[in-house]
C-alpha cells in the first residue's frame, strides 16, 4: 500500500507542478474575450497577449499594464512563485523517498501542504479581487475593452490546486512510524 501511495504521490505532484508552471507563465489570467472570442487581449501574471485585429491593444499600453499590476495581482504572483518553489522541494522529497534510510514523509507532507495552501490563497485572492477591479483597455480602433473574465490560466491554477491537494493527502500516508533496529 505504501508503494502505491508513493508512486501516486509522485504522479499527482509532478502533474500539479507542471500545471502550476503552465498557469504561471501563460497569459490567460484576465481575459477580455467577447461573445465571438476573436482577437481580444489576455493578460497574465508574467506574460500577456495584446490581442489581434480590431481588438488589439497598443503595445505600449499592453506593456504598461504588465508593469503596473494591481496589488492583488502582485500578491497572486508571489504566492504562485512560492508554490512553485515548495513544489520543487516536494519533488526533491519524493525522489529522496526512494532511499529506504531517508525519513522524508513528514517533510514531503509539509511542503506539499504548504504548496496547496499557497495555491489556494492565490486563486481565492485573484478570483475575488479580479471581479471588483475592472481594468479598461483601449484597442487600436479605440474600442473600449471592459468585459473581463477569468481566463484559462486561472482555471489551470484551480485544477493544479486540486491535484496538489490530492498529492498532499497521499503524502500523509507516507508518514510512518520510525523503524528501530535496536534491541532493548
Protein backbone atom coordinates (compact mmCIF):
# COMPACT_ATOMS: atom_id res chain seq x y z
CA UNK A 1 0.00 0.00 0.00
CA UNK A 2 2.82 2.40 0.84
CA UNK A 3 4.44 1.82 -2.54
CA UNK A 4 1.21 2.68 -4.38
CA UNK A 5 0.83 5.83 -2.28
CA UNK A 6 4.45 6.71 -3.03
CA UNK A 7 4.01 6.47 -6.79
CA UNK A 8 0.57 8.10 -6.64
CA UNK A 9 2.07 10.98 -4.67
CA UNK A 10 4.81 11.43 -7.26
CA UNK A 11 2.38 11.24 -10.17
CA UNK A 12 -0.01 13.85 -8.78
CA UNK A 13 2.86 16.03 -7.56
CA UNK A 14 4.53 16.17 -10.97
CA UNK A 15 1.21 16.79 -12.78
CA UNK A 16 0.37 19.56 -10.28
CA UNK A 17 3.84 21.08 -10.68
CA UNK A 18 3.53 21.17 -14.48
CA UNK A 19 0.03 22.67 -14.30
CA UNK A 20 1.27 25.32 -11.86
CA UNK A 21 4.13 26.27 -14.18
CA UNK A 22 1.81 26.48 -17.19
CA UNK A 23 -0.70 28.58 -15.24
CA UNK A 24 2.03 30.91 -14.00
CA UNK A 25 3.63 31.63 -17.37
CA UNK A 26 0.63 31.70 -19.74
CA UNK A 27 -1.22 34.97 -20.46
CA UNK A 28 -4.75 33.89 -19.64
CA UNK A 29 -5.48 35.03 -16.09
CA UNK A 30 -7.55 38.03 -17.17
CA UNK A 31 -9.38 37.67 -20.47
CA UNK A 32 -11.18 40.36 -22.45
CA UNK A 33 -12.91 37.94 -24.80
CA UNK A 34 -16.21 38.92 -26.32
CA UNK A 35 -19.02 36.60 -27.38
CA UNK A 36 -17.25 35.67 -30.60
CA UNK A 37 -13.89 35.30 -28.80
CA UNK A 38 -11.96 36.95 -31.61
CA UNK A 39 -8.75 38.92 -31.13
CA UNK A 40 -9.24 40.14 -27.57
CA UNK A 41 -6.21 40.51 -25.30
CA UNK A 42 -5.30 38.11 -22.50
CA UNK A 43 -3.33 39.37 -19.52
CA UNK A 44 -1.34 37.03 -17.31
CA UNK A 45 0.76 37.30 -14.18
CA UNK A 46 4.03 37.09 -16.10
CA UNK A 47 3.16 37.27 -19.81
CA UNK A 48 0.49 38.94 -21.91
CA UNK A 49 -1.13 38.65 -25.32
CA UNK A 50 -2.02 42.09 -26.67
CA UNK A 51 -4.71 40.74 -28.99
CA UNK A 52 -5.09 40.95 -32.75
CA UNK A 53 -7.21 42.63 -35.38
CA UNK A 54 -9.69 45.30 -34.31
CA UNK A 55 -9.37 44.41 -30.64
CA UNK A 56 -5.58 44.65 -30.44
CA UNK A 57 -4.26 46.87 -27.66
CA UNK A 58 -1.39 49.27 -28.32
CA UNK A 59 1.93 47.65 -27.44
CA UNK A 60 2.84 50.48 -25.05
CA UNK A 61 -0.45 50.18 -23.13
CA UNK A 62 -0.15 46.41 -23.02
CA UNK A 63 3.41 46.59 -21.68
CA UNK A 64 2.45 49.33 -19.19
CA UNK A 65 -0.37 47.16 -17.85
CA UNK A 66 2.16 44.48 -17.03
CA UNK A 67 4.45 46.95 -15.26
CA UNK A 68 1.72 48.50 -13.15
CA UNK A 69 0.00 45.41 -11.81
CA UNK A 70 -2.54 45.86 -9.07
CA UNK A 71 -1.53 44.79 -5.53
CA UNK A 72 -3.71 41.67 -5.60
CA UNK A 73 -2.04 40.60 -8.85
CA UNK A 74 1.40 41.07 -7.28
CA UNK A 75 0.29 39.03 -4.27
CA UNK A 76 -1.04 36.29 -6.55
CA UNK A 77 2.24 36.25 -8.48
CA UNK A 78 4.25 36.00 -5.24
CA UNK A 79 2.07 33.16 -3.93
CA UNK A 80 2.36 31.28 -7.23
CA UNK A 81 6.16 31.60 -7.16
CA UNK A 82 6.21 30.38 -3.54
CA UNK A 83 4.03 27.43 -4.57
CA UNK A 84 6.43 26.53 -7.41
CA UNK A 85 9.41 26.65 -5.02
CA UNK A 86 7.60 24.46 -2.48
CA UNK A 87 6.62 22.02 -5.22
CA UNK A 88 10.29 21.76 -6.27
CA UNK A 89 11.19 20.90 -2.66
CA UNK A 90 8.34 18.37 -2.63
CA UNK A 91 9.71 16.74 -5.78
CA UNK A 92 13.09 16.53 -4.02
CA UNK A 93 11.40 14.81 -1.09
CA UNK A 94 9.66 12.43 -3.49
CA UNK A 95 13.00 11.47 -5.04
CA UNK A 96 14.54 11.09 -1.58
CA UNK A 97 11.74 8.75 -0.53
CA UNK A 98 13.22 6.05 -2.78
CA UNK A 99 16.01 5.63 -0.25
CA UNK A 100 14.97 3.19 2.48
CA UNK A 101 17.02 5.13 5.05
CA UNK A 102 15.51 8.53 4.33
CA UNK A 103 12.73 9.68 6.62
CA UNK A 104 11.18 12.27 4.33
CA UNK A 105 7.50 11.51 4.82
CA UNK A 106 6.90 14.47 7.13
CA UNK A 107 8.87 17.00 5.03
CA UNK A 108 7.04 15.76 1.91
CA UNK A 109 3.69 16.21 3.63
CA UNK A 110 4.66 19.64 4.99
CA UNK A 111 6.00 21.13 1.77
CA UNK A 112 3.17 19.74 -0.35
CA UNK A 113 0.61 21.02 2.16
CA UNK A 114 2.20 24.47 2.16
CA UNK A 115 2.22 24.47 -1.66
CA UNK A 116 -1.51 23.67 -1.60
CA UNK A 117 -2.21 26.49 0.87
CA UNK A 118 -0.19 28.93 -1.25
CA UNK A 119 -2.04 27.94 -4.44
CA UNK A 120 -5.42 28.03 -2.71
CA UNK A 121 -4.87 31.53 -1.31
CA UNK A 122 -3.59 32.72 -4.71
CA UNK A 123 -6.68 31.56 -6.62
CA UNK A 124 -9.07 32.85 -3.95
CA UNK A 125 -7.41 36.29 -3.83
CA UNK A 126 -7.31 36.60 -7.60
CA UNK A 127 -10.80 35.24 -8.16
CA UNK A 128 -12.41 37.53 -5.60
CA UNK A 129 -10.45 40.72 -6.29
CA UNK A 130 -10.46 40.47 -10.09
CA UNK A 131 -14.24 40.89 -10.18
CA UNK A 132 -14.00 44.23 -8.37
CA UNK A 133 -11.11 45.69 -10.36
CA UNK A 134 -12.34 46.15 -13.90
CA UNK A 135 -9.35 47.36 -15.88
CA UNK A 136 -10.28 49.15 -19.06
CA UNK A 137 -8.05 48.76 -22.08
CA UNK A 138 -8.41 50.64 -25.34
CA UNK A 139 -7.87 48.85 -28.63
CA UNK A 140 -6.11 50.29 -31.67
CA UNK A 141 -9.55 51.07 -33.15
CA UNK A 142 -10.49 52.99 -29.95
CA UNK A 143 -12.90 50.30 -28.82
CA UNK A 144 -13.07 50.24 -25.04
CA UNK A 145 -12.41 46.72 -23.78
CA UNK A 146 -14.12 46.20 -20.45
CA UNK A 147 -15.74 42.74 -20.43
CA UNK A 148 -13.28 40.98 -18.16
CA UNK A 149 -13.44 37.25 -17.43
CA UNK A 150 -11.30 34.79 -15.54
CA UNK A 151 -9.17 33.24 -18.25
CA UNK A 152 -7.85 29.76 -18.92
CA UNK A 153 -4.68 30.21 -16.83
CA UNK A 154 -6.77 30.89 -13.75
CA UNK A 155 -8.72 27.69 -14.30
CA UNK A 156 -5.47 25.76 -14.85
CA UNK A 157 -4.34 27.07 -11.46
CA UNK A 158 -7.60 25.83 -9.93
CA UNK A 159 -7.00 22.36 -11.41
CA UNK A 160 -3.37 22.46 -10.20
CA UNK A 161 -4.62 23.28 -6.70
CA UNK A 162 -6.95 20.27 -6.72
CA UNK A 163 -4.17 17.99 -7.99
CA UNK A 164 -1.74 19.27 -5.33
CA UNK A 165 -4.43 18.67 -2.69
CA UNK A 166 -4.63 15.04 -3.84
CA UNK A 167 -0.81 14.78 -3.72
CA UNK A 168 -0.80 16.30 -0.25
CA UNK A 169 -3.35 13.80 1.02
CA UNK A 170 -1.33 10.93 -0.47
CA UNK A 171 1.86 12.25 1.12
CA UNK A 172 0.18 11.98 4.51
CA UNK A 173 0.17 8.21 4.09
CA UNK A 174 3.95 8.27 3.66
CA UNK A 175 4.44 9.33 7.27
CA UNK A 176 5.13 6.12 9.10
CA UNK A 177 6.45 5.12 12.48
CA UNK A 178 10.18 5.25 12.86
CA UNK A 179 11.58 1.77 12.47
CA UNK A 180 14.02 0.74 15.13
CA UNK A 181 16.86 -1.72 14.71
CA UNK A 182 17.86 -1.51 18.37
CA UNK A 183 17.40 -4.42 20.70
CA UNK A 184 16.22 -3.31 24.11
